[in-house]
C-alpha atoms as a PDB file:
ATOM      1  CA  UNK A   1      49.401 -11.146  38.887  1.00  0.00           C
ATOM      2  CA  UNK A   2      48.351 -14.503  37.519  1.00  0.00           C
ATOM      3  CA  UNK A   3      48.466 -14.081  33.765  1.00  0.00           C
ATOM      4  CA  UNK A   4      50.389 -14.991  30.639  1.00  0.00           C
ATOM      5  CA  UNK A   5      53.032 -12.236  30.259  1.00  0.00           C
ATOM      6  CA  UNK A   6      53.023 -12.401  26.448  1.00  0.00           C
ATOM      7  CA  UNK A   7      49.242 -12.070  26.291  1.00  0.00           C
ATOM      8  CA  UNK A   8      49.248  -9.139  28.716  1.00  0.00           C
ATOM      9  CA  UNK A   9      52.030  -7.484  26.706  1.00  0.00           C
ATOM     10  CA  UNK A  10      50.022  -7.886  23.464  1.00  0.00           C
ATOM     11  CA  UNK A  11      46.840  -6.526  25.070  1.00  0.00           C
ATOM     12  CA  UNK A  12      48.692  -3.469  26.370  1.00  0.00           C
ATOM     13  CA  UNK A  13      50.396  -2.945  23.012  1.00  0.00           C
ATOM     14  CA  UNK A  14      47.012  -3.028  21.257  1.00  0.00           C
ATOM     15  CA  UNK A  15      45.439  -0.620  23.764  1.00  0.00           C
ATOM     16  CA  UNK A  16      48.371   1.810  23.647  1.00  0.00           C
ATOM     17  CA  UNK A  17      48.511   1.679  19.836  1.00  0.00           C
ATOM     18  CA  UNK A  18      44.814   2.542  19.634  1.00  0.00           C
ATOM     19  CA  UNK A  19      45.242   5.340  22.155  1.00  0.00           C
ATOM     20  CA  UNK A  20      48.091   6.807  20.104  1.00  0.00           C
ATOM     21  CA  UNK A  21      46.136   6.442  16.874  1.00  0.00           C
ATOM     22  CA  UNK A  22      43.097   8.344  18.162  1.00  0.00           C
ATOM     23  CA  UNK A  23      44.773  10.997  20.318  1.00  0.00           C
ATOM     24  CA  UNK A  24      45.929  14.325  18.857  1.00  0.00           C
ATOM     25  CA  UNK A  25      49.664  15.171  19.088  1.00  0.00           C
ATOM     26  CA  UNK A  26      48.955  17.601  21.937  1.00  0.00           C
ATOM     27  CA  UNK A  27      46.815  15.040  23.813  1.00  0.00           C
ATOM     28  CA  UNK A  28      47.810  12.734  26.636  1.00  0.00           C
ATOM     29  CA  UNK A  29      48.044   8.970  27.058  1.00  0.00           C
ATOM     30  CA  UNK A  30      48.598   7.329  30.420  1.00  0.00           C
ATOM     31  CA  UNK A  31      49.151   3.807  31.658  1.00  0.00           C
ATOM     32  CA  UNK A  32      48.312   3.080  35.271  1.00  0.00           C
ATOM     33  CA  UNK A  33      48.213   0.082  37.562  1.00  0.00           C
ATOM     34  CA  UNK A  34      46.158  -0.324  40.724  1.00  0.00           C
ATOM     35  CA  UNK A  35      46.667  -3.292  43.049  1.00  0.00           C
ATOM     36  CA  UNK A  36      44.483  -4.332  45.947  1.00  0.00           C
ATOM     37  CA  UNK A  37      44.276  -7.508  48.061  1.00  0.00           C
ATOM     38  CA  UNK A  38      42.891  -9.645  45.227  1.00  0.00           C
ATOM     39  CA  UNK A  39      43.113  -7.819  41.895  1.00  0.00           C
ATOM     40  CA  UNK A  40      45.479  -6.000  39.576  1.00  0.00           C
ATOM     41  CA  UNK A  41      43.878  -3.358  37.356  1.00  0.00           C
ATOM     42  CA  UNK A  42      45.834  -2.034  34.388  1.00  0.00           C
ATOM     43  CA  UNK A  43      44.284   0.974  32.641  1.00  0.00           C
ATOM     44  CA  UNK A  44      45.125   2.843  29.451  1.00  0.00           C
ATOM     45  CA  UNK A  45      43.602   6.313  29.338  1.00  0.00           C
ATOM     46  CA  UNK A  46      43.749   8.823  26.510  1.00  0.00           C
ATOM     47  CA  UNK A  47      42.396  12.291  25.815  1.00  0.00           C
ATOM     48  CA  UNK A  48      41.502  11.326  22.253  1.00  0.00           C
ATOM     49  CA  UNK A  49      38.271  11.834  20.388  1.00  0.00           C
ATOM     50  CA  UNK A  50      36.342   9.251  22.408  1.00  0.00           C
ATOM     51  CA  UNK A  51      33.601   6.859  21.362  1.00  0.00           C
ATOM     52  CA  UNK A  52      29.859   7.456  21.442  1.00  0.00           C
ATOM     53  CA  UNK A  53      27.979   5.324  23.987  1.00  0.00           C
ATOM     54  CA  UNK A  54      25.898   3.583  21.319  1.00  0.00           C
ATOM     55  CA  UNK A  55      29.083   2.445  19.538  1.00  0.00           C
ATOM     56  CA  UNK A  56      31.166   1.504  22.580  1.00  0.00           C
ATOM     57  CA  UNK A  57      29.813  -2.057  22.762  1.00  0.00           C
ATOM     58  CA  UNK A  58      30.917  -2.701  19.168  1.00  0.00           C
ATOM     59  CA  UNK A  59      34.604  -1.790  19.551  1.00  0.00           C
ATOM     60  CA  UNK A  60      35.535  -5.374  20.513  1.00  0.00           C
ATOM     61  CA  UNK A  61      33.831  -6.864  17.439  1.00  0.00           C
ATOM     62  CA  UNK A  62      36.226  -8.055  14.706  1.00  0.00           C
ATOM     63  CA  UNK A  63      36.683  -5.726  11.724  1.00  0.00           C
ATOM     64  CA  UNK A  64      34.810  -2.855  13.389  1.00  0.00           C
ATOM     65  CA  UNK A  65      36.297   0.615  13.226  1.00  0.00           C
ATOM     66  CA  UNK A  66      34.097   3.272  14.729  1.00  0.00           C
ATOM     67  CA  UNK A  67      34.106   6.558  12.780  1.00  0.00           C
ATOM     68  CA  UNK A  68      36.519   5.168  10.190  1.00  0.00           C
ATOM     69  CA  UNK A  69      35.936   8.228   8.020  1.00  0.00           C
ATOM     70  CA  UNK A  70      37.523  10.419  10.741  1.00  0.00           C
ATOM     71  CA  UNK A  71      40.757   8.398  10.788  1.00  0.00           C
ATOM     72  CA  UNK A  72      43.482   9.297   8.284  1.00  0.00           C
ATOM     73  CA  UNK A  73      43.983   6.476   5.802  1.00  0.00           C
ATOM     74  CA  UNK A  74      47.613   6.065   6.877  1.00  0.00           C
ATOM     75  CA  UNK A  75      46.420   5.190  10.418  1.00  0.00           C
ATOM     76  CA  UNK A  76      43.589   2.846   9.517  1.00  0.00           C
ATOM     77  CA  UNK A  77      43.948  -0.780  10.460  1.00  0.00           C
ATOM     78  CA  UNK A  78      41.620  -3.684   9.901  1.00  0.00           C
ATOM     79  CA  UNK A  79      39.753  -3.405  13.194  1.00  0.00           C
ATOM     80  CA  UNK A  80      41.222  -6.457  14.922  1.00  0.00           C
ATOM     81  CA  UNK A  81      43.315  -4.975  17.772  1.00  0.00           C
ATOM     82  CA  UNK A  82      40.576  -4.760  20.386  1.00  0.00           C
ATOM     83  CA  UNK A  83      38.942  -8.015  19.252  1.00  0.00           C
ATOM     84  CA  UNK A  84      42.279  -9.814  19.642  1.00  0.00           C
ATOM     85  CA  UNK A  85      42.816  -8.146  23.021  1.00  0.00           C
ATOM     86  CA  UNK A  86      39.417  -9.340  24.233  1.00  0.00           C
ATOM     87  CA  UNK A  87      40.111 -12.892  23.046  1.00  0.00           C
ATOM     88  CA  UNK A  88      43.563 -12.933  24.670  1.00  0.00           C
ATOM     89  CA  UNK A  89      42.060 -11.752  27.961  1.00  0.00           C
ATOM     90  CA  UNK A  90      39.337 -14.427  27.813  1.00  0.00           C
ATOM     91  CA  UNK A  91      41.983 -17.040  26.976  1.00  0.00           C
ATOM     92  CA  UNK A  92      43.639 -16.391  30.330  1.00  0.00           C
ATOM     93  CA  UNK A  93      40.426 -17.346  32.116  1.00  0.00           C
ATOM     94  CA  UNK A  94      37.579 -15.277  33.491  1.00  0.00           C
ATOM     95  CA  UNK A  95      38.826 -11.708  33.535  1.00  0.00           C
ATOM     96  CA  UNK A  96      36.958  -8.470  33.840  1.00  0.00           C
ATOM     97  CA  UNK A  97      37.595  -5.645  31.469  1.00  0.00           C
ATOM     98  CA  UNK A  98      36.000  -2.248  31.480  1.00  0.00           C
ATOM     99  CA  UNK A  99      35.722   0.507  28.933  1.00  0.00           C
ATOM    100  CA  UNK A 100      34.607   4.082  29.380  1.00  0.00           C
ATOM    101  CA  UNK A 101      34.548   6.782  26.803  1.00  0.00           C
ATOM    102  CA  UNK A 102      33.216  10.290  26.367  1.00  0.00           C
ATOM    103  CA  UNK A 103      33.126  11.791  22.877  1.00  0.00           C
ATOM    104  CA  UNK A 104      35.574  14.658  22.659  1.00  0.00           C
ATOM    105  CA  UNK A 105      37.201  13.807  26.000  1.00  0.00           C
ATOM    106  CA  UNK A 106      38.835  10.410  25.578  1.00  0.00           C
ATOM    107  CA  UNK A 107      38.645   6.769  26.558  1.00  0.00           C
ATOM    108  CA  UNK A 108      39.822   4.437  29.288  1.00  0.00           C
ATOM    109  CA  UNK A 109      40.234   0.694  28.839  1.00  0.00           C
ATOM    110  CA  UNK A 110      40.909  -1.357  31.968  1.00  0.00           C
ATOM    111  CA  UNK A 111      42.085  -4.955  32.205  1.00  0.00           C
ATOM    112  CA  UNK A 112      41.516  -6.626  35.594  1.00  0.00           C
ATOM    113  CA  UNK A 113      43.502  -9.730  36.553  1.00  0.00           C
ATOM    114  CA  UNK A 114      43.772 -11.773  39.750  1.00  0.00           C
ATOM    115  CA  UNK A 115      46.680 -10.991  41.996  1.00  0.00           C
ATOM    116  CA  UNK A 116      49.331 -13.723  42.054  1.00  0.00           C
END
């Protein structure tokens, strides 16, 4: 793929850290990669608590933590991981990212990059 390896590594670290933070010990986290003729899609999926549709658009805003009161204090951050990930992805040029989430069932965040 055409991308900065350090930026991709940081994005994936942020996505996987969030997945681990919001998924119960008996839940599942997966990392997958799909490649076609033009694109590489990297997805992080978890079976965590999910995000309500009306809050999903806000998760990339700096300092936003959805349902902060449901997160143990020891796991709370400052709400910058997804904002930084979005900015890193945009810094590599026009990239498409996708997010899906269903409360109580989990979330999937997908980063799409051009094939090299």
